């Protein structure tokens, strides 16, 4: 199978993540999307992160009922911080029967040259880029066989917005899968 890796903190997972991943699973050559929960993104501060096991549980709850979307704790067993190139190589070793592609937002593509060994990622893995408001995508001619944009809907919900809104006492349950909203309330997260 061709597996799309959607890696992130998912702090917390929200409806935007589900909309984009479901769109990609249905309207791209990818067979499944794996939500790889990152213990620590090397480009982000760890101070506002909920515990990795709580974030993984929220992803599992959110993905219930989606046949082509799966939660993964693969990076929990990798060195921290998690570098995408290392994760992709380790996934290939662990699952040689699958082909792996990377799924990223246009905001990440804008800073892709800051990623560790980004040239190796482009050379060895197909990259699918989904739209983000305010981030036009330009792909150099030399990358176009490996990198492509998806005509995906633009969904502008961020985990930062969700966390801040919860902190401010706002009811934002429409932005979260129902089970995730309940889990956050029950565990008094954010």
Protein backbone atom coordinates (compact mmCIF):
# COMPACT_ATOMS: atom_id res chain seq x y z
CA UNK A 1 0.00 0.00 0.00
CA UNK A 2 0.94 3.63 -0.47
CA UNK A 3 0.77 5.20 2.98
CA UNK A 4 0.67 8.95 3.51
CA UNK A 5 2.45 10.09 6.65
CA UNK A 6 0.81 13.06 8.33
CA UNK A 7 3.10 13.80 11.22
CA UNK A 8 2.49 16.35 13.93
CA UNK A 9 1.95 17.22 17.55
CA UNK A 10 -1.86 17.01 17.26
CA UNK A 11 -2.07 19.17 20.37
CA UNK A 12 -5.03 18.56 20.05
CA UNK A 13 -6.31 16.95 16.87
CA UNK A 14 -9.23 18.96 15.45
CA UNK A 15 -11.82 18.87 12.67
CA UNK A 16 -9.40 20.55 10.24
CA UNK A 17 -6.98 17.63 10.53
CA UNK A 18 -9.78 15.18 9.83
CA UNK A 19 -11.17 17.13 6.88
CA UNK A 20 -7.79 17.38 5.18
CA UNK A 21 -6.77 13.77 5.86
CA UNK A 22 -10.13 12.40 4.75
CA UNK A 23 -9.96 14.48 1.56
CA UNK A 24 -6.44 13.21 0.80
CA UNK A 25 -7.37 9.58 1.53
CA UNK A 26 -10.29 9.81 -0.89
CA UNK A 27 -8.94 12.07 -3.65
CA UNK A 28 -5.25 11.17 -4.00
CA UNK A 29 -3.35 8.00 -4.94
CA UNK A 30 -2.69 7.30 -1.23
CA UNK A 31 -4.38 4.22 0.22
CA UNK A 32 -4.23 5.28 3.87
CA UNK A 33 -3.14 8.22 5.99
CA UNK A 34 -1.21 7.50 9.19
CA UNK A 35 -1.36 10.22 11.83
CA UNK A 36 2.12 9.93 13.34
CA UNK A 37 2.00 11.64 16.73
CA UNK A 38 5.32 13.39 17.38
CA UNK A 39 6.62 13.45 20.96
CA UNK A 40 8.59 16.61 20.12
CA UNK A 41 8.74 18.62 16.91
CA UNK A 42 12.31 19.93 16.52
CA UNK A 43 11.01 23.27 15.22
CA UNK A 44 8.54 23.89 18.08
CA UNK A 45 8.82 24.57 21.81
CA UNK A 46 7.79 21.61 24.00
CA UNK A 47 6.38 23.79 26.79
CA UNK A 48 2.74 23.83 25.64
CA UNK A 49 2.55 20.15 24.67
CA UNK A 50 0.08 17.85 26.39
CA UNK A 51 1.57 14.49 27.32
CA UNK A 52 2.22 12.33 24.24
CA UNK A 53 -0.01 9.49 25.48
CA UNK A 54 -2.94 11.93 25.92
CA UNK A 55 -2.41 13.33 22.42
CA UNK A 56 -2.24 9.81 20.96
CA UNK A 57 -5.46 8.86 22.75
CA UNK A 58 -7.21 11.92 21.32
CA UNK A 59 -6.05 10.96 17.81
CA UNK A 60 -7.32 7.41 18.29
CA UNK A 61 -10.70 8.72 19.47
CA UNK A 62 -10.92 11.15 16.55
CA UNK A 63 -10.17 8.49 13.94
CA UNK A 64 -12.73 5.95 15.09
CA UNK A 65 -14.92 5.07 12.13
CA UNK A 66 -12.46 6.25 9.46
CA UNK A 67 -11.26 3.15 7.60
CA UNK A 68 -8.40 4.90 5.78
CA UNK A 69 -7.11 7.00 8.70
CA UNK A 70 -4.93 5.44 11.40
CA UNK A 71 -3.21 6.65 14.57
CA UNK A 72 0.46 5.80 15.06
CA UNK A 73 2.80 6.02 18.04
CA UNK A 74 5.77 5.07 15.84
CA UNK A 75 7.81 8.14 16.81
CA UNK A 76 7.39 7.32 20.52
CA UNK A 77 9.97 4.59 19.93
CA UNK A 78 12.41 6.80 18.01
CA UNK A 79 15.07 9.21 19.31
CA UNK A 80 13.75 12.63 20.39
CA UNK A 81 13.44 15.09 18.79
CA UNK A 82 11.78 13.35 15.87
CA UNK A 83 13.23 14.15 12.47
CA UNK A 84 11.03 13.28 9.50
CA UNK A 85 13.85 11.75 7.45
CA UNK A 86 14.67 9.35 10.30
CA UNK A 87 11.03 8.45 10.81
CA UNK A 88 10.50 7.73 7.12
CA UNK A 89 13.61 5.52 6.96
CA UNK A 90 12.59 3.65 10.10
CA UNK A 91 9.06 3.14 8.75
CA UNK A 92 10.51 1.64 5.56
CA UNK A 93 12.57 -0.78 7.63
CA UNK A 94 9.64 -1.74 9.87
CA UNK A 95 7.08 -2.04 7.05
CA UNK A 96 8.91 -3.06 3.86
CA UNK A 97 5.61 -4.10 2.27
CA UNK A 98 4.45 -0.46 2.14
CA UNK A 99 5.52 2.61 0.21
CA UNK A 100 5.56 5.82 2.24
CA UNK A 101 4.80 9.35 1.12
CA UNK A 102 4.87 12.55 3.13
CA UNK A 103 1.81 14.78 3.56
CA UNK A 104 2.48 18.38 4.63
CA UNK A 105 0.73 21.71 4.62
CA UNK A 106 1.80 24.60 2.43
CA UNK A 107 2.99 26.35 5.62
CA UNK A 108 5.50 23.54 6.19
CA UNK A 109 6.55 23.58 2.54
CA UNK A 110 7.42 27.27 2.99
CA UNK A 111 10.08 26.30 5.57
CA UNK A 112 10.94 22.88 4.18
CA UNK A 113 14.58 23.78 3.59
CA UNK A 114 14.94 24.06 7.40
CA UNK A 115 14.03 20.40 7.83
CA UNK A 116 16.90 18.02 8.53
CA UNK A 117 18.14 16.43 5.27
CA UNK A 118 15.19 17.83 3.34
CA UNK A 119 16.97 17.01 0.05
CA UNK A 120 16.98 13.30 0.97
CA UNK A 121 13.26 13.45 1.72
CA UNK A 122 12.56 14.96 -1.70
CA UNK A 123 14.83 12.46 -3.46
CA UNK A 124 13.41 9.37 -1.76
CA UNK A 125 9.76 10.08 -0.94
CA UNK A 126 6.82 11.53 -2.75
CA UNK A 127 5.49 14.68 -1.06
CA UNK A 128 1.86 15.79 -1.19
CA UNK A 129 1.19 19.40 -0.19
CA UNK A 130 -2.23 20.53 0.97
CA UNK A 131 -3.40 24.15 0.81
CA UNK A 132 -3.04 26.63 3.67
CA UNK A 133 -4.37 30.18 3.52
CA UNK A 134 -1.60 32.71 2.95
CA UNK A 135 0.97 30.16 1.76
CA UNK A 136 1.18 30.02 -2.02
CA UNK A 137 3.09 26.95 -3.17
CA UNK A 138 5.96 27.14 -5.59
CA UNK A 139 7.67 23.90 -6.59
CA UNK A 140 11.00 24.13 -8.40
CA UNK A 141 11.02 22.34 -11.75
CA UNK A 142 13.62 19.84 -10.51
CA UNK A 143 11.29 18.66 -7.69
CA UNK A 144 8.08 18.27 -9.69
CA UNK A 145 8.41 14.51 -10.20
CA UNK A 146 8.48 14.03 -6.41
CA UNK A 147 6.44 16.94 -5.04
CA UNK A 148 2.87 17.82 -5.91
CA UNK A 149 0.11 20.04 -4.60
CA UNK A 150 -3.34 18.76 -3.89
CA UNK A 151 -6.45 20.66 -4.84
CA UNK A 152 -7.56 20.36 -1.24
CA UNK A 153 -10.03 22.55 0.61
CA UNK A 154 -8.52 25.29 2.76
CA UNK A 155 -9.36 24.61 6.39
CA UNK A 156 -8.13 27.25 8.79
CA UNK A 157 -8.41 25.74 12.24
CA UNK A 158 -5.24 25.52 14.31
CA UNK A 159 -4.42 23.63 17.47
CA UNK A 160 -3.05 26.91 18.87
CA UNK A 161 -6.48 28.53 18.37
CA UNK A 162 -8.18 25.53 19.99
CA UNK A 163 -5.88 25.56 23.04
CA UNK A 164 -6.20 29.32 23.55
CA UNK A 165 -9.97 29.21 23.19
CA UNK A 166 -10.25 26.43 25.77
CA UNK A 167 -7.96 28.39 28.10
CA UNK A 168 -10.25 31.41 27.63
CA UNK A 169 -13.28 29.32 28.59
CA UNK A 170 -14.87 29.31 25.12
CA UNK A 171 -17.16 26.53 23.96
CA UNK A 172 -15.53 25.37 20.74
CA UNK A 173 -16.90 21.85 20.54
CA UNK A 174 -17.79 22.34 16.85
CA UNK A 175 -14.06 22.57 16.09
CA UNK A 176 -13.28 19.18 17.64
CA UNK A 177 -14.49 15.63 17.12
CA UNK A 178 -17.13 14.97 19.79
CA UNK A 179 -15.09 12.29 21.59
CA UNK A 180 -12.02 14.55 21.65
CA UNK A 181 -14.06 17.43 23.11
CA UNK A 182 -15.36 15.12 25.87
CA UNK A 183 -11.85 13.76 26.52
CA UNK A 184 -10.43 17.27 26.88
CA UNK A 185 -13.21 18.27 29.27
CA UNK A 186 -12.95 15.07 31.34
CA UNK A 187 -9.17 15.35 31.65
CA UNK A 188 -9.17 19.15 32.07
CA UNK A 189 -6.61 19.61 29.29
CA UNK A 190 -5.44 23.03 28.14
